[in-house]
Amino acid sequence: MRLAYRWLPLLLCLSFAAQAEDASGVLLYRYVDSKGVTVLDRQVPPEYVGKGYQVLNSRGRVVRTVAPAPTAEELAHLRAQKAEAEANALLLQRYSSVIEVDKAQARKFAELDTMIASVQTNLQALLAQQAGLQGQAAEQERAGHEVAPQLLGQLTALRDEQARMRADIAKYQAARVQAQQEFAVDRARVEQLTH
């Protein structure tokens, strides 16, 4: 019996040491080196960390797997997915249904159509004013006089203003076409996300 008690402290020490190793959790790392050989070691060299590795406990069981670092293409794909998810979330904050997209489009078209109509009305007024001034210039010429420089200046200013208004109308019409395209894309995306 005394012999068994002599070994007891040594057995307890070994048992505590094994438990301490299990408690620390990490004994070995398993990774593949540059030659394609699987290596077991107490640490992973820095040049292999990005390739992924496994952490094994004292019994040789895998307790954790660290995946390889993503490639540049995978990172780009992940960024694109994240950007798309954020864009979808913003779109759904703006429009909860296709009906809301249609209402927003109708409001935008009404706004642009009102602006176009307003500029066209002003343009018609300028054309009428120009016709009146041209009549005065024709009368001066028929009377054998030179057209007054002030009248010529007014006619030039009217033509410049008309050109500016026509450019505004073209700008609003282009904005309407662009808005129609953007709303079509938003509508299709909302329809896809809500069904």
C-alpha atoms as a PDB file:
ATOM      1  CA  MET A   1       0.000   0.000   0.000  1.00  0.00           C
ATOM      2  CA  ARG A   2       2.772   2.411   0.833  1.00  0.00           C
ATOM      3  CA  LEU A   3       4.153   1.936  -2.665  1.00  0.00           C
ATOM      4  CA  ALA A   4       0.876   3.137  -4.240  1.00  0.00           C
ATOM      5  CA  TYR A   5       0.921   6.280  -2.092  1.00  0.00           C
ATOM      6  CA  ARG A   6       4.464   7.072  -3.222  1.00  0.00           C
ATOM      7  CA  TRP A   7       3.326   7.401  -6.850  1.00  0.00           C
ATOM      8  CA  LEU A   8       0.179   9.337  -6.002  1.00  0.00           C
ATOM      9  CA  PRO A   9       1.854  12.800  -5.983  1.00  0.00           C
ATOM     10  CA  LEU A  10       3.463  12.079  -9.361  1.00  0.00           C
ATOM     11  CA  LEU A  11       0.181  10.867 -10.846  1.00  0.00           C
ATOM     12  CA  LEU A  12      -1.627  13.947  -9.510  1.00  0.00           C
ATOM     13  CA  CYS A  13       1.020  16.248 -11.009  1.00  0.00           C
ATOM     14  CA  LEU A  14       0.714  14.575 -14.405  1.00  0.00           C
ATOM     15  CA  SER A  15      -3.074  14.754 -14.227  1.00  0.00           C
ATOM     16  CA  PHE A  16      -2.991  18.458 -13.330  1.00  0.00           C
ATOM     17  CA  ALA A  17      -0.513  19.106 -16.147  1.00  0.00           C
ATOM     18  CA  ALA A  18      -2.810  17.406 -18.683  1.00  0.00           C
ATOM     19  CA  GLN A  19      -5.792  19.387 -17.392  1.00  0.00           C
ATOM     20  CA  ALA A  20      -3.792  22.604 -17.560  1.00  0.00           C
ATOM     21  CA  GLU A  21      -2.930  21.872 -21.193  1.00  0.00           C
ATOM     22  CA  ASP A  22      -6.619  21.185 -21.958  1.00  0.00           C
ATOM     23  CA  ALA A  23      -7.637  24.378 -20.118  1.00  0.00           C
ATOM     24  CA  SER A  24      -5.207  26.489 -22.119  1.00  0.00           C
ATOM     25  CA  GLY A  25      -6.878  25.019 -25.204  1.00  0.00           C
ATOM     26  CA  VAL A  26      -3.976  25.298 -27.649  1.00  0.00           C
ATOM     27  CA  LEU A  27      -1.233  22.790 -28.064  1.00  0.00           C
ATOM     28  CA  LEU A  28      -0.702  22.479 -31.791  1.00  0.00           C
ATOM     29  CA  TYR A  29      -1.485  24.266 -35.007  1.00  0.00           C
ATOM     30  CA  ARG A  30      -1.977  22.397 -38.270  1.00  0.00           C
ATOM     31  CA  TYR A  31      -1.233  24.238 -41.516  1.00  0.00           C
ATOM     32  CA  VAL A  32       0.040  23.527 -45.027  1.00  0.00           C
ATOM     33  CA  ASP A  33       3.451  24.907 -45.902  1.00  0.00           C
ATOM     34  CA  SER A  34       4.672  26.251 -49.242  1.00  0.00           C
ATOM     35  CA  LYS A  35       5.566  22.734 -50.430  1.00  0.00           C
ATOM     36  CA  GLY A  36       2.053  21.453 -49.780  1.00  0.00           C
ATOM     37  CA  VAL A  37       3.092  19.490 -46.694  1.00  0.00           C
ATOM     38  CA  THR A  38       0.756  19.448 -43.695  1.00  0.00           C
ATOM     39  CA  VAL A  39       2.694  20.631 -40.642  1.00  0.00           C
ATOM     40  CA  LEU A  40       1.911  20.322 -36.922  1.00  0.00           C
ATOM     41  CA  ASP A  41       3.670  22.935 -34.823  1.00  0.00           C
ATOM     42  CA  ARG A  42       3.256  25.050 -31.687  1.00  0.00           C
ATOM     43  CA  GLN A  43       2.889  28.191 -33.819  1.00  0.00           C
ATOM     44  CA  VAL A  44       1.977  29.185 -37.363  1.00  0.00           C
ATOM     45  CA  PRO A  45       4.696  31.128 -39.172  1.00  0.00           C
ATOM     46  CA  PRO A  46       3.410  34.552 -40.287  1.00  0.00           C
ATOM     47  CA  GLU A  47       3.717  33.708 -43.991  1.00  0.00           C
ATOM     48  CA  TYR A  48       1.189  30.838 -43.583  1.00  0.00           C
ATOM     49  CA  VAL A  49      -1.375  32.547 -41.344  1.00  0.00           C
ATOM     50  CA  GLY A  50      -3.240  34.017 -44.323  1.00  0.00           C
ATOM     51  CA  LYS A  51      -3.608  30.565 -45.879  1.00  0.00           C
ATOM     52  CA  GLY A  52      -5.683  29.297 -42.959  1.00  0.00           C
ATOM     53  CA  TYR A  53      -4.943  26.760 -40.272  1.00  0.00           C
ATOM     54  CA  GLN A  54      -6.498  24.535 -37.587  1.00  0.00           C
ATOM     55  CA  VAL A  55      -6.051  24.661 -33.823  1.00  0.00           C
ATOM     56  CA  LEU A  56      -5.826  21.270 -32.094  1.00  0.00           C
ATOM     57  CA  ASN A  57      -6.193  20.458 -28.402  1.00  0.00           C
ATOM     58  CA  SER A  58      -4.026  18.048 -26.422  1.00  0.00           C
ATOM     59  CA  ARG A  59      -6.036  15.083 -27.693  1.00  0.00           C
ATOM     60  CA  GLY A  60      -5.463  16.033 -31.315  1.00  0.00           C
ATOM     61  CA  ARG A  61      -9.013  17.220 -31.876  1.00  0.00           C
ATOM     62  CA  VAL A  62      -9.688  20.291 -33.960  1.00  0.00           C
ATOM     63  CA  VAL A  63     -11.085  22.986 -31.667  1.00  0.00           C
ATOM     64  CA  ARG A  64     -11.065  25.814 -34.172  1.00  0.00           C
ATOM     65  CA  THR A  65     -10.558  26.286 -37.896  1.00  0.00           C
ATOM     66  CA  VAL A  66      -9.272  29.608 -39.175  1.00  0.00           C
ATOM     67  CA  ALA A  67     -10.315  30.108 -42.797  1.00  0.00           C
ATOM     68  CA  PRO A  68      -7.873  31.397 -45.387  1.00  0.00           C
ATOM     69  CA  ALA A  69      -7.822  35.146 -45.958  1.00  0.00           C
ATOM     70  CA  PRO A  70     -10.056  36.144 -48.882  1.00  0.00           C
ATOM     71  CA  THR A  71      -8.463  36.840 -52.255  1.00  0.00           C
ATOM     72  CA  ALA A  72      -8.656  40.261 -53.926  1.00  0.00           C
ATOM     73  CA  GLU A  73     -11.494  38.988 -56.138  1.00  0.00           C
ATOM     74  CA  GLU A  74     -13.391  37.636 -53.122  1.00  0.00           C
ATOM     75  CA  LEU A  75     -12.927  40.940 -51.290  1.00  0.00           C
ATOM     76  CA  ALA A  76     -14.199  42.861 -54.315  1.00  0.00           C
ATOM     77  CA  HIS A  77     -17.198  40.524 -54.524  1.00  0.00           C
ATOM     78  CA  LEU A  78     -17.921  40.955 -50.804  1.00  0.00           C
ATOM     79  CA  ARG A  79     -17.694  44.751 -51.132  1.00  0.00           C
ATOM     80  CA  ALA A  80     -20.055  44.660 -54.110  1.00  0.00           C
ATOM     81  CA  GLN A  81     -22.531  42.499 -52.181  1.00  0.00           C
ATOM     82  CA  LYS A  82     -22.373  44.868 -49.210  1.00  0.00           C
ATOM     83  CA  ALA A  83     -22.892  47.922 -51.432  1.00  0.00           C
ATOM     84  CA  GLU A  84     -25.863  46.246 -53.129  1.00  0.00           C
ATOM     85  CA  ALA A  85     -27.401  45.313 -49.769  1.00  0.00           C
ATOM     86  CA  GLU A  86     -27.003  48.907 -48.530  1.00  0.00           C
ATOM     87  CA  ALA A  87     -28.515  50.284 -51.753  1.00  0.00           C
ATOM     88  CA  ASN A  88     -31.447  47.868 -51.430  1.00  0.00           C
ATOM     89  CA  ALA A  89     -32.012  48.920 -47.816  1.00  0.00           C
ATOM     90  CA  LEU A  90     -32.010  52.608 -48.789  1.00  0.00           C
ATOM     91  CA  LEU A  91     -34.391  51.918 -51.667  1.00  0.00           C
ATOM     92  CA  LEU A  92     -36.809  50.089 -49.364  1.00  0.00           C
ATOM     93  CA  GLN A  93     -36.628  52.976 -46.894  1.00  0.00           C
ATOM     94  CA  ARG A  94     -37.701  55.310 -49.693  1.00  0.00           C
ATOM     95  CA  TYR A  95     -40.326  53.032 -51.266  1.00  0.00           C
ATOM     96  CA  SER A  96     -42.074  50.222 -49.444  1.00  0.00           C
ATOM     97  CA  SER A  97     -44.057  49.184 -52.528  1.00  0.00           C
ATOM     98  CA  VAL A  98     -44.281  49.571 -56.296  1.00  0.00           C
ATOM     99  CA  ILE A  99     -47.280  51.870 -55.791  1.00  0.00           C
ATOM    100  CA  GLU A 100     -45.070  54.341 -53.910  1.00  0.00           C
ATOM    101  CA  VAL A 101     -42.558  54.305 -56.777  1.00  0.00           C
ATOM    102  CA  ASP A 102     -45.363  55.058 -59.243  1.00  0.00           C
ATOM    103  CA  LYS A 103     -46.643  57.925 -57.072  1.00  0.00           C
ATOM    104  CA  ALA A 104     -43.160  59.419 -56.752  1.00  0.00           C
ATOM    105  CA  GLN A 105     -42.707  59.162 -60.521  1.00  0.00           C
ATOM    106  CA  ALA A 106     -46.039  60.906 -61.128  1.00  0.00           C
ATOM    107  CA  ARG A 107     -45.044  63.727 -58.741  1.00  0.00           C
ATOM    108  CA  LYS A 108     -41.657  64.157 -60.439  1.00  0.00           C
ATOM    109  CA  PHE A 109     -43.220  64.184 -63.918  1.00  0.00           C
ATOM    110  CA  ALA A 110     -45.844  66.725 -62.806  1.00  0.00           C
ATOM    111  CA  GLU A 111     -43.087  68.945 -61.377  1.00  0.00           C
ATOM    112  CA  LEU A 112     -40.990  68.767 -64.559  1.00  0.00           C
ATOM    113  CA  ASP A 113     -44.038  69.224 -66.823  1.00  0.00           C
ATOM    114  CA  THR A 114     -45.044  72.324 -64.838  1.00  0.00           C
ATOM    115  CA  MET A 115     -41.557  73.776 -65.235  1.00  0.00           C
ATOM    116  CA  ILE A 116     -41.555  73.031 -68.973  1.00  0.00           C
ATOM    117  CA  ALA A 117     -45.009  74.606 -69.406  1.00  0.00           C
ATOM    118  CA  SER A 118     -43.948  77.707 -67.447  1.00  0.00           C
ATOM    119  CA  VAL A 119     -40.846  78.231 -69.582  1.00  0.00           C
ATOM    120  CA  GLN A 120     -42.859  77.638 -72.771  1.00  0.00           C
ATOM    121  CA  THR A 121     -45.408  80.273 -71.676  1.00  0.00           C
ATOM    122  CA  ASN A 122     -42.601  82.764 -71.024  1.00  0.00           C
ATOM    123  CA  LEU A 123     -41.036  81.880 -74.369  1.00  0.00           C
ATOM    124  CA  GLN A 124     -44.335  82.578 -76.162  1.00  0.00           C
ATOM    125  CA  ALA A 125     -44.511  85.968 -74.428  1.00  0.00           C
ATOM    126  CA  LEU A 126     -40.982  86.771 -75.588  1.00  0.00           C
ATOM    127  CA  LEU A 127     -41.827  85.728 -79.148  1.00  0.00           C
ATOM    128  CA  ALA A 128     -44.844  88.064 -79.088  1.00  0.00           C
ATOM    129  CA  GLN A 129     -42.654  90.870 -77.722  1.00  0.00           C
ATOM    130  CA  GLN A 130     -40.080  90.166 -80.425  1.00  0.00           C
ATOM    131  CA  ALA A 131     -42.769  90.310 -83.122  1.00  0.00           C
ATOM    132  CA  GLY A 132     -43.852  93.713 -81.829  1.00  0.00           C
ATOM    133  CA  LEU A 133     -40.289  95.069 -81.847  1.00  0.00           C
ATOM    134  CA  GLN A 134     -39.662  93.667 -85.316  1.00  0.00           C
ATOM    135  CA  GLY A 135     -42.808  95.489 -86.485  1.00  0.00           C
ATOM    136  CA  GLN A 136     -41.406  98.755 -85.064  1.00  0.00           C
ATOM    137  CA  ALA A 137     -38.065  98.115 -86.799  1.00  0.00           C
ATOM    138  CA  ALA A 138     -39.879  97.461 -90.110  1.00  0.00           C
ATOM    139  CA  GLU A 139     -41.830 100.715 -89.748  1.00  0.00           C
ATOM    140  CA  GLN A 140     -38.587 102.651 -89.176  1.00  0.00           C
ATOM    141  CA  GLU A 141     -37.048 101.086 -92.291  1.00  0.00           C
ATOM    142  CA  ARG A 142     -40.185 101.811 -94.407  1.00  0.00           C
ATOM    143  CA  ALA A 143     -40.016 105.424 -93.263  1.00  0.00           C
ATOM    144  CA  GLY A 144     -36.466 105.533 -94.621  1.00  0.00           C
ATOM    145  CA  HIS A 145     -34.793 105.701 -91.206  1.00  0.00           C
ATOM    146  CA  GLU A 146     -32.165 103.474 -89.732  1.00  0.00           C
ATOM    147  CA  VAL A 147     -33.382 101.132 -87.043  1.00  0.00           C
ATOM    148  CA  ALA A 148     -32.656 102.664 -83.647  1.00  0.00           C
ATOM    149  CA  PRO A 149     -29.670 101.019 -81.888  1.00  0.00           C
ATOM    150  CA  GLN A 150     -31.759 100.671 -78.723  1.00  0.00           C
ATOM    151  CA  LEU A 151     -34.364  98.660 -80.654  1.00  0.00           C
ATOM    152  CA  LEU A 152     -31.664  96.441 -82.166  1.00  0.00           C
ATOM    153  CA  GLY A 153     -30.233  95.879 -78.655  1.00  0.00           C
ATOM    154  CA  GLN A 154     -33.657  94.857 -77.359  1.00  0.00           C
ATOM    155  CA  LEU A 155     -34.120  92.405 -80.234  1.00  0.00           C
ATOM    156  CA  THR A 156     -30.689  90.852 -79.555  1.00  0.00           C
ATOM    157  CA  ALA A 157     -31.461  90.536 -75.826  1.00  0.00           C
ATOM    158  CA  LEU A 158     -34.803  88.872 -76.645  1.00  0.00           C
ATOM    159  CA  ARG A 159     -33.126  86.343 -78.958  1.00  0.00           C
ATOM    160  CA  ASP A 160     -30.537  85.546 -76.264  1.00  0.00           C
ATOM    161  CA  GLU A 161     -33.265  85.077 -73.660  1.00  0.00           C
ATOM    162  CA  GLN A 162     -35.222  82.829 -76.044  1.00  0.00           C
ATOM    163  CA  ALA A 163     -32.125  80.689 -76.619  1.00  0.00           C
ATOM    164  CA  ARG A 164     -31.659  80.379 -72.858  1.00  0.00           C
ATOM    165  CA  MET A 165     -35.303  79.360 -72.416  1.00  0.00           C
ATOM    166  CA  ARG A 166     -35.090  76.756 -75.186  1.00  0.00           C
ATOM    167  CA  ALA A 167     -31.987  75.343 -73.470  1.00  0.00           C
ATOM    168  CA  ASP A 168     -33.946  75.191 -70.185  1.00  0.00           C
ATOM    169  CA  ILE A 169     -36.803  73.343 -71.892  1.00  0.00           C
ATOM    170  CA  ALA A 170     -34.348  70.846 -73.394  1.00  0.00           C
ATOM    171  CA  LYS A 171     -32.722  70.396 -69.963  1.00  0.00           C
ATOM    172  CA  TYR A 172     -36.093  69.705 -68.297  1.00  0.00           C
ATOM    173  CA  GLN A 173     -37.086  67.279 -71.060  1.00  0.00           C
ATOM    174  CA  ALA A 174     -33.780  65.419 -70.654  1.00  0.00           C
ATOM    175  CA  ALA A 175     -34.337  65.333 -66.883  1.00  0.00           C
ATOM    176  CA  ARG A 176     -37.779  63.823 -67.502  1.00  0.00           C
ATOM    177  CA  VAL A 177     -36.299  61.067 -69.699  1.00  0.00           C
ATOM    178  CA  GLN A 178     -33.590  60.362 -67.119  1.00  0.00           C
ATOM    179  CA  ALA A 179     -36.150  60.321 -64.294  1.00  0.00           C
ATOM    180  CA  GLN A 180     -38.280  57.876 -66.263  1.00  0.00           C
ATOM    181  CA  GLN A 181     -35.294  55.533 -66.660  1.00  0.00           C
ATOM    182  CA  GLU A 182     -34.333  55.818 -62.980  1.00  0.00           C
ATOM    183  CA  PHE A 183     -37.889  55.190 -61.795  1.00  0.00           C
ATOM    184  CA  ALA A 184     -38.126  52.148 -64.089  1.00  0.00           C
ATOM    185  CA  VAL A 185     -34.984  50.697 -62.483  1.00  0.00           C
ATOM    186  CA  ASP A 186     -36.239  51.508 -58.958  1.00  0.00           C
ATOM    187  CA  ARG A 187     -39.664  50.047 -59.726  1.00  0.00           C
ATOM    188  CA  ALA A 188     -38.204  46.777 -61.027  1.00  0.00           C
ATOM    189  CA  ARG A 189     -35.872  46.508 -58.022  1.00  0.00           C
ATOM    190  CA  VAL A 190     -38.632  47.248 -55.472  1.00  0.00           C
ATOM    191  CA  GLU A 191     -40.864  44.713 -57.186  1.00  0.00           C
ATOM    192  CA  GLN A 192     -38.097  42.110 -56.976  1.00  0.00           C
ATOM    193  CA  LEU A 193     -37.310  42.892 -53.310  1.00  0.00           C
ATOM    194  CA  THR A 194     -40.944  42.915 -52.135  1.00  0.00           C
ATOM    195  CA  HIS A 195     -42.083  39.695 -53.823  1.00  0.00           C
END
